[in-house]
C-alpha atoms as a PDB file:
ATOM      1  CA  MET A   1     -13.649 -70.321 -38.392  1.00  0.00           C
ATOM      2  CA  THR A   2     -10.471 -68.554 -37.812  1.00  0.00           C
ATOM      3  CA  ASP A   3      -7.195 -70.344 -37.467  1.00  0.00           C
ATOM      4  CA  THR A   4      -5.772 -69.374 -34.065  1.00  0.00           C
ATOM      5  CA  SER A   5      -2.734 -71.606 -34.194  1.00  0.00           C
ATOM      6  CA  SER A   6      -0.623 -68.898 -35.809  1.00  0.00           C
ATOM      7  CA  ALA A   7      -1.956 -66.061 -33.654  1.00  0.00           C
ATOM      8  CA  LYS A   8       0.561 -64.419 -31.366  1.00  0.00           C
ATOM      9  CA  PRO A   9      -0.017 -64.735 -27.654  1.00  0.00           C
ATOM     10  CA  PRO A  10      -0.991 -61.488 -25.965  1.00  0.00           C
ATOM     11  CA  LYS A  11       1.917 -59.350 -24.789  1.00  0.00           C
ATOM     12  CA  ARG A  12       2.646 -59.567 -21.130  1.00  0.00           C
ATOM     13  CA  LEU A  13       2.627 -56.190 -19.587  1.00  0.00           C
ATOM     14  CA  LYS A  14       5.568 -55.485 -17.336  1.00  0.00           C
ATOM     15  CA  PRO A  15       4.706 -53.824 -14.085  1.00  0.00           C
ATOM     16  CA  ARG A  16       5.730 -50.206 -14.195  1.00  0.00           C
ATOM     17  CA  LYS A  17       8.515 -49.148 -11.943  1.00  0.00           C
ATOM     18  CA  VAL A  18       7.363 -46.727  -9.349  1.00  0.00           C
ATOM     19  CA  ARG A  19       9.644 -43.735  -9.138  1.00  0.00           C
ATOM     20  CA  LYS A  20       9.840 -41.829  -5.953  1.00  0.00           C
ATOM     21  CA  VAL A  21       9.005 -38.246  -6.640  1.00  0.00           C
ATOM     22  CA  ARG A  22      10.716 -35.844  -4.321  1.00  0.00           C
ATOM     23  CA  ALA A  23       9.057 -32.557  -3.649  1.00  0.00           C
ATOM     24  CA  LYS A  24      11.030 -30.021  -5.588  1.00  0.00           C
ATOM     25  CA  ARG A  25      12.369 -27.233  -3.428  1.00  0.00           C
ATOM     26  CA  GLN A  26      12.449 -23.778  -4.780  1.00  0.00           C
ATOM     27  CA  PRO A  27      16.022 -22.517  -5.015  1.00  0.00           C
ATOM     28  CA  VAL A  28      17.138 -19.849  -2.588  1.00  0.00           C
ATOM     29  CA  VAL A  29      17.574 -16.559  -4.448  1.00  0.00           C
ATOM     30  CA  ALA A  30      20.549 -14.764  -2.933  1.00  0.00           C
ATOM     31  CA  GLY A  31      22.581 -11.664  -3.641  1.00  0.00           C
ATOM     32  CA  TRP A  32      26.233 -11.695  -4.649  1.00  0.00           C
ATOM     33  CA  ARG A  33      27.090 -11.201  -0.976  1.00  0.00           C
ATOM     34  CA  GLU A  34      25.171 -12.579   1.984  1.00  0.00           C
ATOM     35  CA  TRP A  35      25.278 -13.233   5.707  1.00  0.00           C
ATOM     36  CA  ALA A  36      25.736 -16.883   6.620  1.00  0.00           C
ATOM     37  CA  SER A  37      26.529 -19.044   9.631  1.00  0.00           C
ATOM     38  CA  LEU A  38      28.856 -21.990  10.130  1.00  0.00           C
ATOM     39  CA  PRO A  39      27.279 -23.665  13.188  1.00  0.00           C
ATOM     40  CA  ASP A  40      29.658 -26.665  13.248  1.00  0.00           C
ATOM     41  CA  LEU A  41      32.558 -24.240  13.668  1.00  0.00           C
ATOM     42  CA  GLY A  42      30.829 -21.947  16.159  1.00  0.00           C
ATOM     43  CA  VAL A  43      30.540 -19.047  13.692  1.00  0.00           C
ATOM     44  CA  SER A  44      27.216 -17.194  14.089  1.00  0.00           C
ATOM     45  CA  PHE A  45      27.662 -14.510  11.424  1.00  0.00           C
ATOM     46  CA  LEU A  46      30.028 -14.308   8.497  1.00  0.00           C
ATOM     47  CA  LYS A  47      29.939 -12.158   5.373  1.00  0.00           C
ATOM     48  CA  VAL A  48      30.166 -14.459   2.342  1.00  0.00           C
ATOM     49  CA  LYS A  49      30.793 -13.674  -1.315  1.00  0.00           C
ATOM     50  CA  LEU A  50      28.797 -15.932  -3.653  1.00  0.00           C
ATOM     51  CA  ASP A  51      31.060 -16.509  -6.640  1.00  0.00           C
ATOM     52  CA  THR A  52      29.691 -18.567  -9.536  1.00  0.00           C
ATOM     53  CA  GLY A  53      33.065 -18.203 -11.263  1.00  0.00           C
ATOM     54  CA  ALA A  54      34.836 -20.122  -8.490  1.00  0.00           C
ATOM     55  CA  ARG A  55      34.406 -23.882  -8.375  1.00  0.00           C
ATOM     56  CA  THR A  56      35.675 -24.341  -4.808  1.00  0.00           C
ATOM     57  CA  SER A  57      34.567 -22.625  -1.605  1.00  0.00           C
ATOM     58  CA  ALA A  58      37.260 -21.064   0.571  1.00  0.00           C
ATOM     59  CA  LEU A  59      37.351 -19.988   4.206  1.00  0.00           C
ATOM     60  CA  HIS A  60      39.840 -17.593   5.765  1.00  0.00           C
ATOM     61  CA  ALA A  61      41.995 -19.521   8.228  1.00  0.00           C
ATOM     62  CA  TRP A  62      45.319 -18.934   9.883  1.00  0.00           C
ATOM     63  CA  ASP A  63      47.544 -20.831  12.292  1.00  0.00           C
ATOM     64  CA  ILE A  64      46.394 -24.055  10.629  1.00  0.00           C
ATOM     65  CA  GLN A  65      47.563 -27.081  12.636  1.00  0.00           C
ATOM     66  CA  PRO A  66      46.893 -30.664  11.572  1.00  0.00           C
ATOM     67  CA  PHE A  67      46.488 -33.157  14.435  1.00  0.00           C
ATOM     68  CA  GLU A  68      45.171 -36.654  15.067  1.00  0.00           C
ATOM     69  CA  ARG A  69      42.076 -37.584  17.076  1.00  0.00           C
ATOM     70  CA  ALA A  70      40.973 -41.208  17.529  1.00  0.00           C
ATOM     71  CA  GLY A  71      43.014 -42.255  14.490  1.00  0.00           C
ATOM     72  CA  ASP A  72      41.474 -39.601  12.188  1.00  0.00           C
ATOM     73  CA  GLU A  73      43.191 -36.549  10.756  1.00  0.00           C
ATOM     74  CA  TRP A  74      41.813 -33.246  12.058  1.00  0.00           C
ATOM     75  CA  ILE A  75      42.607 -29.573  11.517  1.00  0.00           C
ATOM     76  CA  ARG A  76      42.674 -26.792  14.108  1.00  0.00           C
ATOM     77  CA  PHE A  77      42.704 -23.222  12.840  1.00  0.00           C
ATOM     78  CA  ILE A  78      41.831 -19.700  13.867  1.00  0.00           C
ATOM     79  CA  LEU A  79      39.173 -17.729  12.062  1.00  0.00           C
ATOM     80  CA  HIS A  80      38.653 -13.968  12.218  1.00  0.00           C
ATOM     81  CA  PRO A  81      34.998 -13.757  11.125  1.00  0.00           C
ATOM     82  CA  VAL A  82      34.882  -9.941  11.027  1.00  0.00           C
ATOM     83  CA  GLN A  83      36.764  -8.196   8.231  1.00  0.00           C
ATOM     84  CA  ARG A  84      39.581  -5.883   9.317  1.00  0.00           C
ATOM     85  CA  ASN A  85      39.116  -6.922  12.967  1.00  0.00           C
ATOM     86  CA  GLN A  86      41.763  -9.226  14.455  1.00  0.00           C
ATOM     87  CA  ALA A  87      40.285  -8.850  17.973  1.00  0.00           C
ATOM     88  CA  VAL A  88      37.450 -11.267  17.253  1.00  0.00           C
ATOM     89  CA  SER A  89      38.850 -14.747  16.727  1.00  0.00           C
ATOM     90  CA  ILE A  90      37.375 -18.238  16.898  1.00  0.00           C
ATOM     91  CA  VAL A  91      39.420 -21.390  17.359  1.00  0.00           C
ATOM     92  CA  CYS A  92      37.882 -24.013  15.078  1.00  0.00           C
ATOM     93  CA  GLU A  93      38.400 -27.749  14.741  1.00  0.00           C
ATOM     94  CA  ALA A  94      37.176 -29.994  11.943  1.00  0.00           C
ATOM     95  CA  ARG A  95      37.880 -33.440  10.568  1.00  0.00           C
ATOM     96  CA  LEU A  96      40.142 -33.312   7.519  1.00  0.00           C
ATOM     97  CA  VAL A  97      38.367 -34.472   4.354  1.00  0.00           C
ATOM     98  CA  GLY A  98      41.371 -34.188   2.061  1.00  0.00           C
ATOM     99  CA  HIS A  99      43.646 -31.865   0.136  1.00  0.00           C
ATOM    100  CA  ARG A 100      42.871 -29.944  -3.026  1.00  0.00           C
ATOM    101  CA  THR A 101      45.006 -28.010  -5.468  1.00  0.00           C
ATOM    102  CA  VAL A 102      43.284 -24.726  -6.244  1.00  0.00           C
ATOM    103  CA  ARG A 103      44.220 -22.284  -9.006  1.00  0.00           C
ATOM    104  CA  SER A 104      43.520 -18.620  -8.308  1.00  0.00           C
ATOM    105  CA  THR A 105      42.330 -16.143 -10.919  1.00  0.00           C
ATOM    106  CA  SER A 106      45.933 -14.964 -11.240  1.00  0.00           C
ATOM    107  CA  GLY A 107      46.951 -18.526 -12.219  1.00  0.00           C
ATOM    108  CA  LYS A 108      48.835 -19.306  -8.999  1.00  0.00           C
ATOM    109  CA  THR A 109      48.211 -22.820  -7.635  1.00  0.00           C
ATOM    110  CA  GLU A 110      48.002 -23.626  -3.941  1.00  0.00           C
ATOM    111  CA  ASN A 111      47.563 -26.928  -2.110  1.00  0.00           C
ATOM    112  CA  ARG A 112      44.843 -26.501   0.554  1.00  0.00           C
ATOM    113  CA  TYR A 113      43.292 -28.526   3.344  1.00  0.00           C
ATOM    114  CA  VAL A 114      39.623 -29.435   2.794  1.00  0.00           C
ATOM    115  CA  ILE A 115      37.022 -29.747   5.550  1.00  0.00           C
ATOM    116  CA  SER A 116      33.313 -30.510   5.456  1.00  0.00           C
ATOM    117  CA  THR A 117      31.018 -28.241   7.464  1.00  0.00           C
ATOM    118  CA  THR A 118      27.445 -27.020   7.692  1.00  0.00           C
ATOM    119  CA  LEU A 119      26.584 -23.701   6.038  1.00  0.00           C
ATOM    120  CA  LEU A 120      23.397 -21.926   7.023  1.00  0.00           C
ATOM    121  CA  LEU A 121      22.073 -19.407   4.472  1.00  0.00           C
ATOM    122  CA  GLY A 122      18.595 -18.236   3.541  1.00  0.00           C
ATOM    123  CA  GLY A 123      16.947 -20.296   6.258  1.00  0.00           C
ATOM    124  CA  GLN A 124      18.387 -23.566   4.930  1.00  0.00           C
ATOM    125  CA  GLU A 125      21.468 -25.547   5.802  1.00  0.00           C
ATOM    126  CA  ARG A 126      23.740 -27.650   3.650  1.00  0.00           C
ATOM    127  CA  THR A 127      26.881 -29.638   4.285  1.00  0.00           C
ATOM    128  CA  ILE A 128      29.598 -28.310   2.003  1.00  0.00           C
ATOM    129  CA  ASP A 129      33.305 -28.832   1.400  1.00  0.00           C
ATOM    130  CA  VAL A 130      35.471 -25.811   2.102  1.00  0.00           C
ATOM    131  CA  THR A 131      39.182 -25.240   1.533  1.00  0.00           C
ATOM    132  CA  LEU A 132      41.215 -23.378   4.146  1.00  0.00           C
ATOM    133  CA  THR A 133      43.437 -20.510   3.063  1.00  0.00           C
ATOM    134  CA  ASN A 134      44.648 -17.098   4.165  1.00  0.00           C
ATOM    135  CA  ARG A 135      42.160 -14.557   2.790  1.00  0.00           C
ATOM    136  CA  ASP A 136      43.556 -11.596   4.765  1.00  0.00           C
ATOM    137  CA  GLN A 137      43.966  -9.524   1.630  1.00  0.00           C
ATOM    138  CA  MET A 138      40.508 -10.399   0.346  1.00  0.00           C
ATOM    139  CA  GLY A 139      37.326  -8.472   1.084  1.00  0.00           C
ATOM    140  CA  PHE A 140      35.394 -11.488   2.354  1.00  0.00           C
ATOM    141  CA  ARG A 141      36.248 -14.095   4.941  1.00  0.00           C
ATOM    142  CA  MET A 142      34.490 -16.758   2.915  1.00  0.00           C
ATOM    143  CA  LEU A 143      33.967 -17.387  -0.770  1.00  0.00           C
ATOM    144  CA  LEU A 144      31.090 -19.714  -1.677  1.00  0.00           C
ATOM    145  CA  GLY A 145      31.844 -21.479  -4.962  1.00  0.00           C
ATOM    146  CA  ARG A 146      29.415 -22.904  -7.506  1.00  0.00           C
ATOM    147  CA  THR A 147      29.844 -26.523  -6.361  1.00  0.00           C
ATOM    148  CA  ALA A 148      28.417 -25.636  -2.936  1.00  0.00           C
ATOM    149  CA  MET A 149      25.563 -23.618  -4.503  1.00  0.00           C
ATOM    150  CA  ARG A 150      24.566 -26.295  -7.033  1.00  0.00           C
ATOM    151  CA  ARG A 151      20.836 -27.168  -6.890  1.00  0.00           C
ATOM    152  CA  TRP A 152      20.388 -24.814  -3.954  1.00  0.00           C
ATOM    153  CA  ILE A 153      21.180 -21.163  -4.601  1.00  0.00           C
ATOM    154  CA  VAL A 154      20.496 -18.875  -7.550  1.00  0.00           C
ATOM    155  CA  VAL A 155      22.565 -15.699  -7.424  1.00  0.00           C
ATOM    156  CA  ASP A 156      21.078 -12.325  -8.339  1.00  0.00           C
ATOM    157  CA  PRO A 157      24.238 -10.298  -9.048  1.00  0.00           C
ATOM    158  CA  ALA A 158      22.375  -6.975  -8.772  1.00  0.00           C
ATOM    159  CA  ARG A 159      21.389  -7.576  -5.130  1.00  0.00           C
ATOM    160  CA  SER A 160      23.069  -8.024  -1.745  1.00  0.00           C
ATOM    161  CA  PHE A 161      22.196  -9.244   1.732  1.00  0.00           C
ATOM    162  CA  LEU A 162      18.761 -10.672   0.962  1.00  0.00           C
ATOM    163  CA  HIS A 163      19.019 -13.074   3.916  1.00  0.00           C
ATOM    164  CA  PRO A 164      20.055 -12.418   7.496  1.00  0.00           C
ATOM    165  CA  ALA A 165      22.092 -15.098   9.236  1.00  0.00           C
ATOM    166  CA  VAL A 166      19.819 -17.349  11.269  1.00  0.00           C
ATOM    167  CA  SER A 167      20.483 -20.049  13.805  1.00  0.00           C
ATOM    168  CA  SER A 168      19.259 -23.600  13.246  1.00  0.00           C
ATOM    169  CA  ASN A 169      16.670 -23.222  16.023  1.00  0.00           C
ATOM    170  CA  ALA A 170      15.012 -20.176  14.448  1.00  0.00           C
ATOM    171  CA  PRO A 171      11.354 -20.428  13.317  1.00  0.00           C
ATOM    172  CA  GLY A 172      11.056 -21.247   9.610  1.00  0.00           C
ATOM    173  CA  PHE A 173      14.440 -22.947   9.476  1.00  0.00           C
ATOM    174  CA  GLN A 174      14.612 -25.890   7.058  1.00  0.00           C
ATOM    175  CA  SER A 175      17.216 -28.605   7.334  1.00  0.00           C
ATOM    176  CA  SER A 176      18.122 -30.019   3.962  1.00  0.00           C
ATOM    177  CA  LYS A 177      21.646 -31.260   4.376  1.00  0.00           C
ATOM    178  CA  ALA A 178      23.093 -32.451   1.113  1.00  0.00           C
ATOM    179  CA  GLY A 179      26.726 -32.936   0.257  1.00  0.00           C
END
């Protein structure tokens, strides 16, 4: 006979945690410049430079006026979505998210207003933070920084305009808002 008094009790198996597996989306492959839309601001088409060297996204805005609505801080500004064309202008309003100090490539720092808005590119939409600044001297009305592109867009620097701007009611549109 075997002595079972010193035998160890069987190990209790812990129930395994069930992890939710999210279907992995393929990243959007985009060129270094693309057409995009900002539906929350009423902008149907806007030429955007995708800049992996810039952390923050920036939108051309002028006549920026902070105001209050229902106790919240808001911003009203004018956007000229077409380069070198002051005739086309859109009055935009957005809730103020905050302020951000941004350093340009020349080393100059600027304190900018930050808004959150929906960007539509490559048939998908995302909610991104954007700083407002005067980009009159720049070639693009909007610069999309790497924070906004993270886990969404892969840039092919040899290509341009791979995606036309689409509206959110277009066939094949995918909503995947993520901050």
